[in-house]
Amino acid sequence: SGRSKSNIRTKELLEIGFDGVVAACGTHIEFQGEKVFEKLLSKEQITHALAVIKKYHMLAVLEGPQYLYVDEGDFCEDPYVIYLRKELGEDVLPIEGNTDFEINKLSIDLKGANLELALEELQEEFDVIVHSDWLIEILPKGYSKATGIERICKLLDIKQTDTYAFGDSPNDLEMLAYVAHGIAMGNASKETKQVAEFVTTDIMEDGIQVGLKHYGLI
């Protein structure tokens, strides 16, 4: 998942049959309740990212294994931030006034900032995924959902030929290209569908179930 561990209710996942989770675009991995891998941004990297965010008057959600950090007042009535507060409660902390961050990645609302200028200042130190002309995602260099899948496959001795993945957005491209069977949701972006081996139905039309049946997994 692109979501950080703090934004995934692991207990609920385990109750429906998952053995673990590859979270935060490959930077946090858990298996059978144990953390087996973690990649955090350094203090220097976070300082740099926050300086660029402040310079261009952008807004950010800092995503970590335990907490999400966001200045809720900056987002006003943004439905996603309201959802975060409702679902995560005290696991949502403010950015302002904090210095001791533990995060894997960031999501940034450009708020009309010049994308090219922002990328110039970020791309040397981070991998930047452009979701749209207003939303970007910042990751440690060299990490993705694909690297997370590769890591857990090595740990569990799973062959790459036995890997499947569902995706619908730009942060899924490397993953869908890496696994043996990449499945794009019916509501996925055009670029995502082009990378996939199979395009299933829309997420609201039982797309995951349709995909699993297509491959004979259920």
Protein backbone atom coordinates (compact mmCIF):
# COMPACT_ATOMS: atom_id res chain seq x y z
CA SER A 1 0.00 0.00 0.00
CA GLY A 2 0.99 3.61 -0.47
CA ARG A 3 -0.46 4.35 2.95
CA SER A 4 1.86 4.48 5.92
CA LYS A 5 1.52 1.90 8.67
CA SER A 6 -0.14 4.49 10.91
CA ASN A 7 -2.92 4.82 8.33
CA ILE A 8 -3.56 1.08 8.06
CA ARG A 9 -5.60 -0.73 10.66
CA THR A 10 -3.47 -3.89 10.80
CA LYS A 11 -5.74 -5.81 13.20
CA GLU A 12 -8.63 -5.51 10.75
CA LEU A 13 -6.43 -6.73 7.89
CA LEU A 14 -5.27 -9.77 9.83
CA GLU A 15 -8.84 -10.63 10.72
CA ILE A 16 -9.71 -11.01 7.04
CA GLY A 17 -6.74 -13.19 6.22
CA PHE A 18 -3.66 -11.05 5.45
CA ASP A 19 -0.33 -12.28 6.84
CA GLY A 20 1.28 -8.87 6.78
CA VAL A 21 1.63 -5.57 5.01
CA VAL A 22 4.06 -3.75 2.73
CA ALA A 23 3.25 -0.14 3.57
CA ALA A 24 4.37 3.41 2.73
CA CYS A 25 5.44 2.47 -0.79
CA GLY A 26 7.86 -0.24 0.29
CA THR A 27 9.49 1.57 3.21
CA HIS A 28 7.73 -0.37 6.00
CA ILE A 29 7.16 -4.13 6.04
CA GLU A 30 5.45 -6.30 8.66
CA PHE A 31 4.90 -10.04 8.63
CA GLN A 32 2.80 -11.97 11.14
CA GLY A 33 2.74 -9.03 13.51
CA GLU A 34 6.49 -8.37 13.45
CA LYS A 35 8.26 -5.47 11.76
CA VAL A 36 10.83 -6.91 9.36
CA PHE A 37 11.94 -3.73 7.57
CA GLU A 38 11.81 0.03 8.07
CA LYS A 39 13.25 2.91 6.05
CA LEU A 40 12.83 6.34 7.63
CA LEU A 41 13.75 9.73 6.25
CA SER A 42 16.71 11.28 8.04
CA LYS A 43 16.35 14.44 10.12
CA GLU A 44 18.30 16.32 7.45
CA GLN A 45 16.01 15.08 4.69
CA ILE A 46 12.91 16.09 6.62
CA THR A 47 14.36 19.53 7.33
CA HIS A 48 15.11 19.99 3.63
CA ALA A 49 11.65 18.86 2.54
CA LEU A 50 9.91 21.12 5.05
CA ALA A 51 12.04 24.08 3.93
CA VAL A 52 10.96 23.55 0.31
CA ILE A 53 7.33 23.16 1.40
CA LYS A 54 7.50 26.42 3.33
CA LYS A 55 9.32 28.24 0.52
CA TYR A 56 6.60 27.45 -2.03
CA HIS A 57 3.68 27.73 0.43
CA MET A 58 2.69 24.13 -0.12
CA LEU A 59 0.82 21.90 2.34
CA ALA A 60 2.01 18.50 3.56
CA VAL A 61 1.04 15.31 5.33
CA LEU A 62 4.06 13.58 6.89
CA GLU A 63 3.46 9.84 7.04
CA GLY A 64 5.14 7.56 9.56
CA PRO A 65 4.78 4.09 11.09
CA GLN A 66 3.15 5.39 14.28
CA TYR A 67 1.86 8.88 13.50
CA LEU A 68 0.72 11.16 10.70
CA TYR A 69 1.75 14.80 11.02
CA VAL A 70 -0.42 17.52 9.53
CA ASP A 71 -1.35 21.11 10.38
CA GLU A 72 -5.08 20.62 10.10
CA GLY A 73 -5.90 24.32 10.07
CA ASP A 74 -4.03 24.72 6.78
CA PHE A 75 -6.35 22.26 5.08
CA CYS A 76 -9.56 23.90 6.34
CA GLU A 77 -12.43 21.51 5.54
CA ASP A 78 -10.43 19.12 3.37
CA PRO A 79 -12.38 15.80 3.46
CA TYR A 80 -9.22 13.67 3.55
CA VAL A 81 -7.81 15.45 6.59
CA ILE A 82 -11.22 15.24 8.30
CA TYR A 83 -11.16 11.49 7.58
CA LEU A 84 -7.67 11.16 9.05
CA ARG A 85 -8.69 12.83 12.28
CA LYS A 86 -11.84 10.71 12.53
CA GLU A 87 -10.09 7.42 11.83
CA LEU A 88 -6.73 7.94 13.51
CA GLY A 89 -7.60 10.24 16.39
CA GLU A 90 -4.57 10.92 18.59
CA ASP A 91 -2.27 9.33 16.02
CA VAL A 92 -2.55 12.58 14.01
CA LEU A 93 -0.07 15.15 15.34
CA PRO A 94 0.72 18.73 14.24
CA ILE A 95 3.77 19.60 12.15
CA GLU A 96 4.10 23.08 13.64
CA GLY A 97 6.06 22.97 16.86
CA ASN A 98 7.30 19.42 16.32
CA THR A 99 10.95 18.55 15.73
CA ASP A 100 11.05 14.84 16.49
CA PHE A 101 9.50 13.31 13.37
CA GLU A 102 9.58 9.62 12.47
CA ILE A 103 8.35 9.36 8.89
CA ASN A 104 8.72 7.19 5.80
CA LYS A 105 7.30 9.57 3.19
CA LEU A 106 5.34 12.76 2.54
CA SER A 107 2.30 13.72 0.49
CA ILE A 108 2.23 17.33 -0.67
CA ASP A 109 -0.58 19.56 -1.90
CA LEU A 110 1.13 22.02 -4.25
CA LYS A 111 -1.48 24.75 -3.64
CA GLY A 112 -0.69 26.31 -7.00
CA ALA A 113 3.10 26.21 -6.56
CA ASN A 114 5.30 25.85 -9.63
CA LEU A 115 5.76 22.08 -9.98
CA GLU A 116 8.96 22.28 -12.04
CA LEU A 117 10.69 24.57 -9.55
CA ALA A 118 9.65 22.42 -6.61
CA LEU A 119 10.88 19.27 -8.38
CA GLU A 120 14.25 20.90 -9.06
CA GLU A 121 14.76 21.30 -5.33
CA LEU A 122 13.48 17.87 -4.34
CA GLN A 123 14.50 15.36 -7.01
CA GLU A 124 18.21 15.23 -6.17
CA GLU A 125 17.51 13.95 -2.67
CA PHE A 126 14.14 12.20 -3.07
CA ASP A 127 12.12 10.15 -5.50
CA VAL A 128 9.08 12.26 -6.38
CA ILE A 129 5.87 10.76 -7.73
CA VAL A 130 3.63 13.22 -9.54
CA HIS A 131 -0.01 12.22 -9.08
CA SER A 132 -1.52 15.35 -10.63
CA ASP A 133 -0.82 19.03 -11.17
CA TRP A 134 -1.64 19.60 -7.50
CA LEU A 135 -0.45 16.45 -5.67
CA ILE A 136 3.00 14.88 -5.34
CA GLU A 137 4.44 12.15 -3.14
CA ILE A 138 8.00 12.20 -1.73
CA LEU A 139 9.92 8.99 -1.01
CA PRO A 140 13.47 8.04 -0.04
CA LYS A 141 15.63 7.52 -3.12
CA GLY A 142 15.40 4.02 -4.55
CA TYR A 143 12.28 2.88 -2.70
CA SER A 144 8.90 1.92 -4.14
CA LYS A 145 6.15 -0.65 -3.80
CA ALA A 146 8.22 -2.81 -6.16
CA THR A 147 11.28 -2.79 -3.87
CA GLY A 148 9.01 -3.66 -0.95
CA ILE A 149 7.56 -6.64 -2.81
CA GLU A 150 11.02 -7.78 -3.86
CA ARG A 151 12.23 -7.59 -0.26
CA ILE A 152 9.36 -9.61 1.22
CA CYS A 153 9.63 -12.18 -1.58
CA LYS A 154 13.30 -12.76 -0.72
CA LEU A 155 12.45 -13.02 2.97
CA LEU A 156 9.72 -15.62 2.37
CA ASP A 157 11.41 -17.34 -0.59
CA ILE A 158 8.54 -16.53 -2.94
CA LYS A 159 9.24 -16.68 -6.66
CA GLN A 160 8.67 -13.52 -8.68
CA THR A 161 6.56 -15.63 -11.05
CA ASP A 162 4.06 -16.12 -8.20
CA THR A 163 3.47 -12.40 -7.56
CA TYR A 164 0.25 -10.46 -8.22
CA ALA A 165 -0.62 -6.83 -7.53
CA PHE A 166 -3.57 -4.48 -7.95
CA GLY A 167 -3.06 -0.77 -8.61
CA ASP A 168 -4.75 2.39 -9.80
CA SER A 169 -2.34 5.32 -9.47
CA PRO A 170 1.14 6.58 -10.44
CA ASN A 171 2.77 5.12 -7.32
CA ASP A 172 1.72 1.68 -8.58
CA LEU A 173 3.58 1.79 -11.90
CA GLU A 174 6.85 0.22 -10.75
CA MET A 175 4.98 -2.41 -8.77
CA LEU A 176 2.75 -3.44 -11.67
CA ALA A 177 5.79 -3.64 -13.95
CA TYR A 178 7.75 -5.74 -11.42
CA VAL A 179 5.23 -8.41 -10.45
CA ALA A 180 4.47 -11.30 -12.74
CA HIS A 181 0.80 -10.36 -12.95
CA GLY A 182 -0.02 -6.66 -12.68
CA ILE A 183 -3.72 -5.85 -12.45
CA ALA A 184 -5.10 -2.34 -12.97
CA MET A 185 -8.41 -1.34 -11.46
CA GLY A 186 -11.11 -0.24 -13.89
CA ASN A 187 -10.94 3.26 -12.40
CA ALA A 188 -7.13 3.42 -12.77
CA SER A 189 -5.28 6.11 -14.68
CA LYS A 190 -4.55 5.51 -18.37
CA GLU A 191 -0.81 5.17 -17.65
CA THR A 192 -1.48 2.55 -15.00
CA LYS A 193 -3.67 0.49 -17.32
CA GLN A 194 -0.96 0.54 -19.99
CA VAL A 195 1.55 -1.05 -17.60
CA ALA A 196 -0.83 -3.74 -16.33
CA GLU A 197 -1.24 -7.25 -17.70
CA PHE A 198 -4.98 -7.25 -16.97
CA VAL A 199 -7.55 -4.51 -16.35
CA THR A 200 -10.31 -5.49 -13.96
CA THR A 201 -13.55 -3.68 -13.20
CA ASP A 202 -13.98 -0.48 -11.19
CA ILE A 203 -13.22 -0.52 -7.47
CA MET A 204 -16.94 -0.03 -6.80
CA GLU A 205 -17.78 -2.93 -9.10
CA ASP A 206 -15.92 -5.65 -7.17
CA GLY A 207 -12.74 -5.08 -9.16
CA ILE A 208 -10.47 -7.01 -6.79
CA GLN A 209 -12.80 -10.00 -6.69
CA VAL A 210 -13.12 -9.99 -10.49
CA GLY A 211 -9.32 -9.87 -10.82
CA LEU A 212 -8.77 -12.72 -8.37
CA LYS A 213 -11.33 -14.86 -10.20
CA HIS A 214 -9.72 -14.03 -13.54
CA TYR A 215 -6.44 -15.57 -12.34
CA GLY A 216 -8.13 -18.50 -10.61
CA LEU A 217 -6.98 -17.41 -7.17
CA ILE A 218 -10.48 -17.70 -5.72
